[in-house]
Amino acid sequence: MNYSTKIKKKPLLFKKPNQQQYQYIPKETFQFRLDKLFTNVGWSFVIGSGIGFVYGGTKAMQLGNEFGTKIFLHSFVDQFAKYQEIFSIKFASFTGLFYIFTGIIRNYRKVNDMTNFILAGTTTGFVKNLGSGKKHLFYGSLTGAIAGFGVSLFYKNRYSSLPFFEKKVDQK
């Protein structure tokens, strides 16, 4: 018999000490495949950013025009200082890069949901050094939520509150 897939258990009290009990472990289970999927860094980024993007996008759609772009940009400076103290300069610079990317992308006219999803997936890739395994799913969903929320909010409120982003209308 192949004893490589067996785990040696401690003998029970009512058994003789020389008798050993073995427990068979199935090689492929759903939980095993799920853990294997989440330990793969790329898939956990995609899954996490997808979940977070849907969550953040729906939250931004619920809020609507409650927050302006100016308030969002002013809060970024406070968030940068707070994250720099709590986490590290790497995470703070990651949030800075994320806000720069969203600021660039929101200026284009044709922004759709696929662009937002790609942005959420790519920005999630910057946090791969924060952890491993299932932590990637958490960080992916967190940054995906930030990405979906930010891009949807910028897309909804673009050119609304900043004076140099106002649309020019030709008057005849």
Protein backbone atom coordinates (compact mmCIF):
# COMPACT_ATOMS: atom_id res chain seq x y z
CA MET A 1 0.00 0.00 0.00
CA ASN A 2 1.02 3.55 -0.63
CA TYR A 3 1.30 5.33 2.70
CA SER A 4 2.28 8.70 1.22
CA THR A 5 -1.29 10.01 1.30
CA LYS A 6 -1.97 8.89 4.86
CA ILE A 7 -1.64 10.92 8.02
CA LYS A 8 -0.52 9.23 11.18
CA LYS A 9 -2.94 10.05 14.00
CA LYS A 10 -2.32 9.79 17.71
CA PRO A 11 -3.69 6.60 19.23
CA LEU A 12 -6.92 6.91 21.15
CA LEU A 13 -7.05 6.28 24.90
CA PHE A 14 -9.11 3.11 24.71
CA LYS A 15 -6.90 1.56 22.02
CA LYS A 16 -3.64 -0.16 22.54
CA PRO A 17 -0.68 2.18 22.18
CA ASN A 18 0.97 0.15 19.44
CA GLN A 19 -2.05 0.32 17.13
CA GLN A 20 -2.00 3.18 14.65
CA GLN A 21 -4.92 4.77 12.88
CA TYR A 22 -4.67 6.17 9.39
CA GLN A 23 -6.90 8.65 7.66
CA TYR A 24 -7.16 8.72 3.89
CA ILE A 25 -7.05 12.15 2.28
CA PRO A 26 -8.70 12.58 -1.11
CA LYS A 27 -6.25 13.99 -3.61
CA GLU A 28 -8.60 16.33 -5.51
CA THR A 29 -11.43 18.06 -3.69
CA PHE A 30 -13.26 21.28 -4.41
CA GLN A 31 -11.58 23.01 -1.46
CA PHE A 32 -8.17 21.86 -2.68
CA ARG A 33 -8.84 23.24 -6.15
CA LEU A 34 -10.16 26.49 -4.66
CA ASP A 35 -7.04 26.91 -2.53
CA LYS A 36 -4.87 26.08 -5.51
CA LEU A 37 -6.72 28.70 -7.57
CA PHE A 38 -6.32 31.37 -4.91
CA THR A 39 -2.63 30.66 -4.43
CA ASN A 40 -2.16 31.38 -8.12
CA VAL A 41 -1.39 35.08 -8.09
CA GLY A 42 -2.84 36.00 -11.47
CA TRP A 43 -6.21 34.36 -10.97
CA SER A 44 -6.65 35.81 -7.50
CA PHE A 45 -5.93 39.28 -8.90
CA VAL A 46 -8.55 38.83 -11.61
CA ILE A 47 -11.19 37.39 -9.25
CA GLY A 48 -10.55 39.96 -6.54
CA SER A 49 -10.51 42.93 -8.88
CA GLY A 50 -13.70 41.70 -10.55
CA ILE A 51 -15.53 41.36 -7.24
CA GLY A 52 -14.21 44.67 -5.98
CA PHE A 53 -14.91 46.45 -9.24
CA VAL A 54 -18.55 45.37 -9.22
CA TYR A 55 -18.89 46.43 -5.57
CA GLY A 56 -17.15 49.77 -6.02
CA GLY A 57 -18.97 50.55 -9.25
CA THR A 58 -22.38 49.90 -7.73
CA LYS A 59 -21.52 52.02 -4.70
CA ALA A 60 -20.48 54.88 -6.96
CA MET A 61 -23.66 54.55 -9.01
CA GLN A 62 -25.70 54.67 -5.79
CA LEU A 63 -23.98 57.81 -4.62
CA GLY A 64 -24.42 59.51 -7.97
CA ASN A 65 -23.40 63.14 -7.99
CA GLU A 66 -23.25 63.46 -4.23
CA PHE A 67 -19.48 63.94 -4.23
CA GLY A 68 -17.72 66.24 -6.63
CA THR A 69 -14.37 65.71 -8.28
CA LYS A 70 -12.86 68.55 -6.28
CA ILE A 71 -13.76 66.87 -2.98
CA PHE A 72 -12.38 63.60 -4.32
CA LEU A 73 -9.06 65.22 -5.24
CA HIS A 74 -8.77 67.01 -1.91
CA SER A 75 -9.43 63.78 -0.02
CA PHE A 76 -6.64 62.09 -1.98
CA VAL A 77 -3.99 64.24 -0.28
CA ASP A 78 -5.31 63.29 3.15
CA GLN A 79 -5.48 59.61 2.19
CA PHE A 80 -1.90 59.71 0.88
CA ALA A 81 -0.59 61.08 4.18
CA LYS A 82 -2.63 58.61 6.21
CA TYR A 83 -1.59 55.55 4.18
CA GLN A 84 2.05 56.62 4.26
CA GLU A 85 2.00 56.59 8.06
CA ILE A 86 0.00 53.37 8.42
CA PHE A 87 1.37 51.10 5.70
CA SER A 88 4.48 52.23 3.86
CA ILE A 89 5.70 54.58 1.19
CA LYS A 90 5.18 51.84 -1.41
CA PHE A 91 1.46 51.59 -0.71
CA ALA A 92 1.12 55.37 -0.63
CA SER A 93 2.90 55.68 -3.97
CA PHE A 94 0.64 52.93 -5.34
CA THR A 95 -2.44 54.93 -4.39
CA GLY A 96 -0.85 57.99 -5.98
CA LEU A 97 -0.22 56.10 -9.22
CA PHE A 98 -3.78 54.80 -9.14
CA TYR A 99 -5.24 58.29 -8.83
CA ILE A 100 -3.00 59.52 -11.65
CA PHE A 101 -4.16 56.66 -13.90
CA THR A 102 -7.81 57.33 -13.13
CA GLY A 103 -7.28 61.03 -13.75
CA ILE A 104 -5.77 60.31 -17.16
CA ILE A 105 -8.40 57.79 -18.18
CA ARG A 106 -11.34 59.92 -17.11
CA ASN A 107 -10.36 62.63 -19.60
CA TYR A 108 -11.10 60.39 -22.55
CA ARG A 109 -14.59 60.59 -24.01
CA LYS A 110 -15.20 56.89 -24.62
CA VAL A 111 -14.81 55.27 -21.21
CA ASN A 112 -16.76 52.06 -20.80
CA ASP A 113 -17.03 49.32 -18.21
CA MET A 114 -14.38 47.16 -19.90
CA THR A 115 -11.84 49.96 -19.51
CA ASN A 116 -12.75 50.23 -15.85
CA PHE A 117 -12.34 46.47 -15.38
CA ILE A 118 -8.95 46.47 -17.11
CA LEU A 119 -7.87 49.39 -14.94
CA ALA A 120 -9.01 47.57 -11.82
CA GLY A 121 -7.10 44.45 -12.83
CA THR A 122 -3.89 46.27 -13.71
CA THR A 123 -3.81 48.44 -10.60
CA THR A 124 -4.41 45.35 -8.50
CA GLY A 125 -1.18 43.90 -9.85
CA PHE A 126 0.85 46.53 -8.00
CA VAL A 127 0.05 45.09 -4.58
CA LYS A 128 1.41 41.60 -5.22
CA ASN A 129 4.22 42.12 -2.72
CA LEU A 130 1.84 42.71 0.18
CA GLY A 131 1.01 39.06 0.78
CA SER A 132 0.55 35.64 -0.69
CA GLY A 133 -2.22 33.10 -1.10
CA LYS A 134 -5.68 34.21 -0.07
CA LYS A 135 -4.36 37.63 0.89
CA HIS A 136 -4.16 38.37 -2.82
CA LEU A 137 -7.91 37.91 -3.10
CA PHE A 138 -8.49 40.38 -0.27
CA TYR A 139 -6.07 42.96 -1.64
CA GLY A 140 -7.44 42.40 -5.12
CA SER A 141 -11.00 43.03 -4.00
CA LEU A 142 -9.93 46.04 -1.97
CA THR A 143 -8.04 47.73 -4.77
CA GLY A 144 -10.67 46.63 -7.26
CA ALA A 145 -13.30 48.32 -5.13
CA ILE A 146 -11.21 51.47 -5.01
CA ALA A 147 -10.67 51.29 -8.76
CA GLY A 148 -14.32 50.65 -9.60
CA PHE A 149 -15.50 53.31 -7.19
CA GLY A 150 -13.00 55.91 -8.32
CA VAL A 151 -13.37 55.37 -12.04
CA SER A 152 -17.17 55.28 -11.88
CA LEU A 153 -17.21 58.41 -9.75
CA PHE A 154 -14.80 60.20 -12.08
CA TYR A 155 -16.76 59.03 -15.11
CA LYS A 156 -20.02 60.24 -13.57
CA ASN A 157 -18.66 63.58 -12.39
CA ARG A 158 -16.08 64.44 -15.02
CA TYR A 159 -15.93 68.06 -16.08
CA SER A 160 -18.50 68.85 -13.39
CA SER A 161 -16.73 70.73 -10.60
CA LEU A 162 -13.22 71.59 -11.79
CA PRO A 163 -13.21 74.81 -13.85
CA PHE A 164 -10.41 73.78 -16.23
CA PHE A 165 -12.28 70.59 -17.19
CA GLU A 166 -15.45 72.37 -18.26
CA LYS A 167 -16.81 71.60 -21.71
CA LYS A 168 -16.59 74.40 -24.23
CA VAL A 169 -19.82 75.02 -26.06
CA ASP A 170 -19.76 76.81 -29.39
CA GLN A 171 -22.23 79.66 -29.28
CA LYS A 172 -23.68 80.72 -32.61
